[in-house]
Structures are given as C-alpha cells and as structure tokens.
Amino acid sequence: MAMNKDRAETIALQCLEWLVGNDELLPVFLGATGASAQDLRDGADQPAFLGAVLDFLLMDDNFVRDFCMAQNLEPELPFMARQMLPGGDIPNWT
C-alpha cells in the first residue's frame, strides 16, 4: 500500500482525533508530550506535531491495535505514515 505525505497527515489527524476522544489515553498523551489543549488545536496542521502524535501511538502495540481497529486501518499504516512526516526518517540499524 503506497504512502505519501498527504495520506500520512490524514492518518496522523485520525490518530489525533482518536486520542482526543479517548478519555483514558488523552491525559497520558498530554503528560508525555507536555502538550496543552491549545497545542492540540494549533498542531493539527503542523506535520512535525502530527509526527509526534504518531510517535506516541507507536510507543505501544496496544495503542496501535486499538487505533487501527477503530479506524479500520492495517496495523502497519501508522508506522508507514510516521516515516513520511518530519523526523520519521530514522535509520534502521539492523
């Protein structure tokens, strides 16, 4: 499945929306990132912030699974999307 920047941003926005609607996980995200509610609004159109949203999601396989199930996405798509956003081109050392 092909990934481009627009699709990556769409997936990240879906993830942000999913996080905002998750009463248990949103405070964890806010605490882990130091983001405020205003930062969420301001960052929704910033590719680097969207990358941070996906970074958070990718920290836990359960987060990825739950998000992908809720959005009817293949589980590899968040990782593929992350690679298309700023900071996502981390080299694979294996």
N, C-alpha and C. Protein backbone atom coordinates (compact mmCIF):
# COMPACT_ATOMS: atom_id res chain seq x y z
N MET A 1 0.84 -1.18 0.00
CA MET A 1 0.00 0.00 0.00
C MET A 1 0.89 1.24 0.00
N ALA A 2 0.68 2.11 -0.94
CA ALA A 2 1.52 3.30 -1.10
C ALA A 2 1.18 4.33 -0.02
N MET A 3 2.23 5.03 0.39
CA MET A 3 2.06 6.09 1.39
C MET A 3 2.69 7.34 0.83
N ASN A 4 1.99 8.45 0.98
CA ASN A 4 2.54 9.74 0.60
C ASN A 4 2.29 10.71 1.76
N LYS A 5 2.80 11.91 1.64
CA LYS A 5 2.72 12.88 2.74
C LYS A 5 1.27 13.21 3.08
N ASP A 6 0.43 13.39 2.09
CA ASP A 6 -0.98 13.73 2.36
C ASP A 6 -1.68 12.61 3.11
N ARG A 7 -1.45 11.39 2.68
CA ARG A 7 -2.08 10.24 3.37
C ARG A 7 -1.52 10.11 4.77
N ALA A 8 -0.22 10.34 4.94
CA ALA A 8 0.39 10.27 6.26
C ALA A 8 -0.23 11.30 7.20
N GLU A 9 -0.42 12.51 6.71
CA GLU A 9 -1.03 13.55 7.53
C GLU A 9 -2.47 13.20 7.88
N THR A 10 -3.19 12.60 6.95
CA THR A 10 -4.56 12.18 7.21
C THR A 10 -4.61 11.13 8.31
N ILE A 11 -3.72 10.15 8.24
CA ILE A 11 -3.67 9.11 9.26
C ILE A 11 -3.31 9.72 10.61
N ALA A 12 -2.37 10.64 10.62
CA ALA A 12 -1.98 11.29 11.87
C ALA A 12 -3.13 12.11 12.44
N LEU A 13 -3.88 12.79 11.58
CA LEU A 13 -5.05 13.54 12.05
C LEU A 13 -6.12 12.60 12.61
N GLN A 14 -6.29 11.46 11.97
CA GLN A 14 -7.22 10.46 12.50
C GLN A 14 -6.76 10.01 13.88
N CYS A 15 -5.47 9.84 14.03
CA CYS A 15 -4.91 9.43 15.31
C CYS A 15 -5.15 10.51 16.37
N LEU A 16 -4.91 11.76 16.01
CA LEU A 16 -5.14 12.86 16.94
C LEU A 16 -6.61 12.89 17.36
N GLU A 17 -7.50 12.74 16.41
CA GLU A 17 -8.93 12.72 16.72
C GLU A 17 -9.26 11.56 17.66
N TRP A 18 -8.68 10.40 17.39
CA TRP A 18 -8.89 9.22 18.22
C TRP A 18 -8.38 9.47 19.64
N LEU A 19 -7.21 10.09 19.76
CA LEU A 19 -6.66 10.40 21.08
C LEU A 19 -7.56 11.37 21.84
N VAL A 20 -8.01 12.41 21.17
CA VAL A 20 -8.86 13.41 21.82
C VAL A 20 -10.16 12.77 22.33
N GLY A 21 -10.65 11.78 21.63
CA GLY A 21 -11.86 11.09 22.04
C GLY A 21 -11.65 9.98 23.05
N ASN A 22 -10.41 9.75 23.45
CA ASN A 22 -10.08 8.67 24.38
C ASN A 22 -9.79 9.27 25.76
N ASP A 23 -10.79 9.21 26.63
CA ASP A 23 -10.68 9.85 27.94
C ASP A 23 -9.55 9.28 28.81
N GLU A 24 -9.19 8.03 28.59
CA GLU A 24 -8.11 7.43 29.38
C GLU A 24 -6.74 7.75 28.81
N LEU A 25 -6.62 7.76 27.50
CA LEU A 25 -5.32 7.91 26.86
C LEU A 25 -4.92 9.36 26.63
N LEU A 26 -5.88 10.25 26.45
CA LEU A 26 -5.55 11.65 26.19
C LEU A 26 -4.70 12.25 27.31
N PRO A 27 -5.03 12.05 28.59
CA PRO A 27 -4.17 12.62 29.63
C PRO A 27 -2.75 12.04 29.63
N VAL A 28 -2.62 10.80 29.22
CA VAL A 28 -1.30 10.18 29.12
C VAL A 28 -0.50 10.87 28.01
N PHE A 29 -1.15 11.10 26.88
CA PHE A 29 -0.51 11.80 25.76
C PHE A 29 -0.10 13.20 26.18
N LEU A 30 -1.01 13.93 26.80
CA LEU A 30 -0.71 15.30 27.21
C LEU A 30 0.45 15.32 28.21
N GLY A 31 0.45 14.39 29.15
CA GLY A 31 1.52 14.32 30.13
C GLY A 31 2.86 13.93 29.52
N ALA A 32 2.82 13.00 28.58
CA ALA A 32 4.05 12.51 27.95
C ALA A 32 4.68 13.56 27.04
N THR A 33 3.83 14.35 26.39
CA THR A 33 4.35 15.32 25.42
C THR A 33 4.46 16.73 25.98
N GLY A 34 3.77 16.99 27.08
CA GLY A 34 3.75 18.35 27.61
C GLY A 34 2.82 19.26 26.82
N ALA A 35 2.04 18.69 25.92
CA ALA A 35 1.12 19.47 25.09
C ALA A 35 -0.10 19.90 25.91
N SER A 36 -0.67 21.01 25.52
CA SER A 36 -1.91 21.51 26.11
C SER A 36 -3.04 21.31 25.10
N ALA A 37 -4.26 21.58 25.55
CA ALA A 37 -5.40 21.51 24.63
C ALA A 37 -5.21 22.50 23.48
N GLN A 38 -4.66 23.65 23.77
CA GLN A 38 -4.40 24.64 22.72
C GLN A 38 -3.36 24.12 21.73
N ASP A 39 -2.34 23.43 22.25
CA ASP A 39 -1.33 22.84 21.37
C ASP A 39 -1.94 21.82 20.41
N LEU A 40 -2.94 21.09 20.88
CA LEU A 40 -3.61 20.13 20.01
C LEU A 40 -4.30 20.84 18.86
N ARG A 41 -4.97 21.93 19.16
CA ARG A 41 -5.65 22.70 18.11
C ARG A 41 -4.63 23.32 17.15
N ASP A 42 -3.58 23.92 17.72
CA ASP A 42 -2.57 24.59 16.90
C ASP A 42 -1.74 23.61 16.08
N GLY A 43 -1.50 22.43 16.64
CA GLY A 43 -0.62 21.46 15.99
C GLY A 43 -1.28 20.61 14.93
N ALA A 44 -2.59 20.66 14.86
CA ALA A 44 -3.31 19.79 13.92
C ALA A 44 -2.92 20.02 12.47
N ASP A 45 -2.36 21.18 12.17
CA ASP A 45 -1.94 21.43 10.78
C ASP A 45 -0.42 21.53 10.65
N GLN A 46 0.28 21.04 11.66
CA GLN A 46 1.75 21.06 11.67
C GLN A 46 2.29 19.64 11.51
N PRO A 47 2.93 19.33 10.39
CA PRO A 47 3.44 17.98 10.17
C PRO A 47 4.35 17.46 11.29
N ALA A 48 5.17 18.32 11.88
CA ALA A 48 6.05 17.85 12.96
C ALA A 48 5.24 17.43 14.18
N PHE A 49 4.20 18.18 14.51
CA PHE A 49 3.34 17.81 15.64
C PHE A 49 2.61 16.51 15.33
N LEU A 50 2.12 16.37 14.12
CA LEU A 50 1.45 15.14 13.74
C LEU A 50 2.39 13.95 13.83
N GLY A 51 3.66 14.17 13.51
CA GLY A 51 4.66 13.12 13.70
C GLY A 51 4.78 12.72 15.16
N ALA A 52 4.73 13.71 16.06
CA ALA A 52 4.81 13.43 17.49
C ALA A 52 3.58 12.63 17.96
N VAL A 53 2.43 12.91 17.37
CA VAL A 53 1.22 12.15 17.69
C VAL A 53 1.44 10.68 17.32
N LEU A 54 1.98 10.44 16.14
CA LEU A 54 2.24 9.06 15.73
C LEU A 54 3.36 8.43 16.55
N ASP A 55 4.36 9.22 16.94
CA ASP A 55 5.41 8.69 17.83
C ASP A 55 4.78 8.13 19.10
N PHE A 56 3.86 8.90 19.67
CA PHE A 56 3.19 8.44 20.89
C PHE A 56 2.42 7.15 20.64
N LEU A 57 1.66 7.13 19.58
CA LEU A 57 0.88 5.94 19.26
C LEU A 57 1.78 4.72 19.12
N LEU A 58 2.89 4.90 18.43
CA LEU A 58 3.79 3.78 18.12
C LEU A 58 4.57 3.28 19.33
N MET A 59 4.46 3.96 20.45
CA MET A 59 5.14 3.50 21.67
C MET A 59 4.56 2.21 22.21
N ASP A 60 3.33 1.90 21.86
CA ASP A 60 2.67 0.75 22.48
C ASP A 60 1.85 0.00 21.42
N ASP A 61 2.12 -1.27 21.30
CA ASP A 61 1.39 -2.08 20.31
C ASP A 61 -0.11 -2.06 20.56
N ASN A 62 -0.52 -1.98 21.83
CA ASN A 62 -1.96 -1.94 22.14
C ASN A 62 -2.59 -0.65 21.62
N PHE A 63 -1.86 0.46 21.72
CA PHE A 63 -2.37 1.72 21.17
C PHE A 63 -2.58 1.58 19.66
N VAL A 64 -1.57 1.02 19.00
CA VAL A 64 -1.65 0.85 17.54
C VAL A 64 -2.83 -0.04 17.18
N ARG A 65 -2.95 -1.14 17.87
CA ARG A 65 -4.04 -2.08 17.58
C ARG A 65 -5.40 -1.40 17.77
N ASP A 66 -5.57 -0.73 18.91
CA ASP A 66 -6.86 -0.10 19.19
C ASP A 66 -7.19 1.00 18.18
N PHE A 67 -6.20 1.82 17.85
CA PHE A 67 -6.40 2.87 16.87
C PHE A 67 -6.77 2.28 15.51
N CYS A 68 -6.00 1.31 15.07
CA CYS A 68 -6.24 0.73 13.74
C CYS A 68 -7.59 0.03 13.68
N MET A 69 -7.98 -0.63 14.75
CA MET A 69 -9.30 -1.26 14.77
C MET A 69 -10.39 -0.19 14.69
N ALA A 70 -10.23 0.89 15.42
CA ALA A 70 -11.24 1.96 15.43
C ALA A 70 -11.35 2.65 14.08
N GLN A 71 -10.23 2.74 13.37
CA GLN A 71 -10.21 3.44 12.08
C GLN A 71 -10.27 2.50 10.88
N ASN A 72 -10.33 1.21 11.16
CA ASN A 72 -10.35 0.20 10.10
C ASN A 72 -9.13 0.35 9.18
N LEU A 73 -7.95 0.43 9.81
CA LEU A 73 -6.69 0.56 9.09
C LEU A 73 -5.83 -0.67 9.31
N GLU A 74 -4.97 -0.95 8.35
CA GLU A 74 -3.99 -2.01 8.51
C GLU A 74 -2.98 -1.57 9.58
N PRO A 75 -2.52 -2.48 10.43
CA PRO A 75 -1.66 -2.09 11.55
C PRO A 75 -0.30 -1.52 11.17
N GLU A 76 0.16 -1.74 9.96
CA GLU A 76 1.45 -1.18 9.57
C GLU A 76 1.35 0.27 9.09
N LEU A 77 0.15 0.76 8.84
CA LEU A 77 -0.02 2.10 8.28
C LEU A 77 0.46 3.23 9.19
N PRO A 78 0.24 3.18 10.51
CA PRO A 78 0.77 4.27 11.32
C PRO A 78 2.30 4.40 11.23
N PHE A 79 3.00 3.28 11.20
CA PHE A 79 4.45 3.32 11.07
C PHE A 79 4.86 3.87 9.70
N MET A 80 4.18 3.44 8.68
CA MET A 80 4.47 3.94 7.33
C MET A 80 4.20 5.45 7.26
N ALA A 81 3.11 5.87 7.88
CA ALA A 81 2.78 7.30 7.90
C ALA A 81 3.85 8.08 8.66
N ARG A 82 4.31 7.53 9.76
CA ARG A 82 5.32 8.23 10.56
C ARG A 82 6.58 8.49 9.75
N GLN A 83 6.95 7.58 8.92
CA GLN A 83 8.16 7.73 8.12
C GLN A 83 8.05 8.87 7.11
N MET A 84 6.84 9.27 6.77
CA MET A 84 6.64 10.32 5.78
C MET A 84 6.62 11.73 6.39
N LEU A 85 6.56 11.81 7.71
CA LEU A 85 6.46 13.11 8.38
C LEU A 85 7.82 13.52 8.93
N PRO A 86 8.01 14.81 9.24
CA PRO A 86 9.31 15.28 9.74
C PRO A 86 9.79 14.46 10.95
N GLY A 87 11.05 14.05 10.88
CA GLY A 87 11.65 13.26 11.95
C GLY A 87 11.41 11.77 11.83
N GLY A 88 10.66 11.37 10.83
CA GLY A 88 10.33 9.96 10.69
C GLY A 88 11.32 9.15 9.89
N ASP A 89 12.36 9.81 9.39
CA ASP A 89 13.34 9.12 8.56
C ASP A 89 14.50 8.59 9.38
N ILE A 90 14.18 8.03 10.54
CA ILE A 90 15.20 7.47 11.42
C ILE A 90 15.78 6.23 10.75
N PRO A 91 17.10 6.13 10.71
CA PRO A 91 17.71 4.97 10.03
C PRO A 91 17.44 3.67 10.78
N ASN A 92 17.33 2.62 10.02
CA ASN A 92 17.17 1.28 10.58
C ASN A 92 18.57 0.68 10.70
N TRP A 93 19.00 0.40 11.92
CA TRP A 93 20.36 -0.09 12.16
C TRP A 93 20.49 -1.58 12.10
N THR A 94 19.42 -2.29 11.81
CA THR A 94 19.52 -3.76 11.77
C THR A 94 19.79 -4.25 10.38
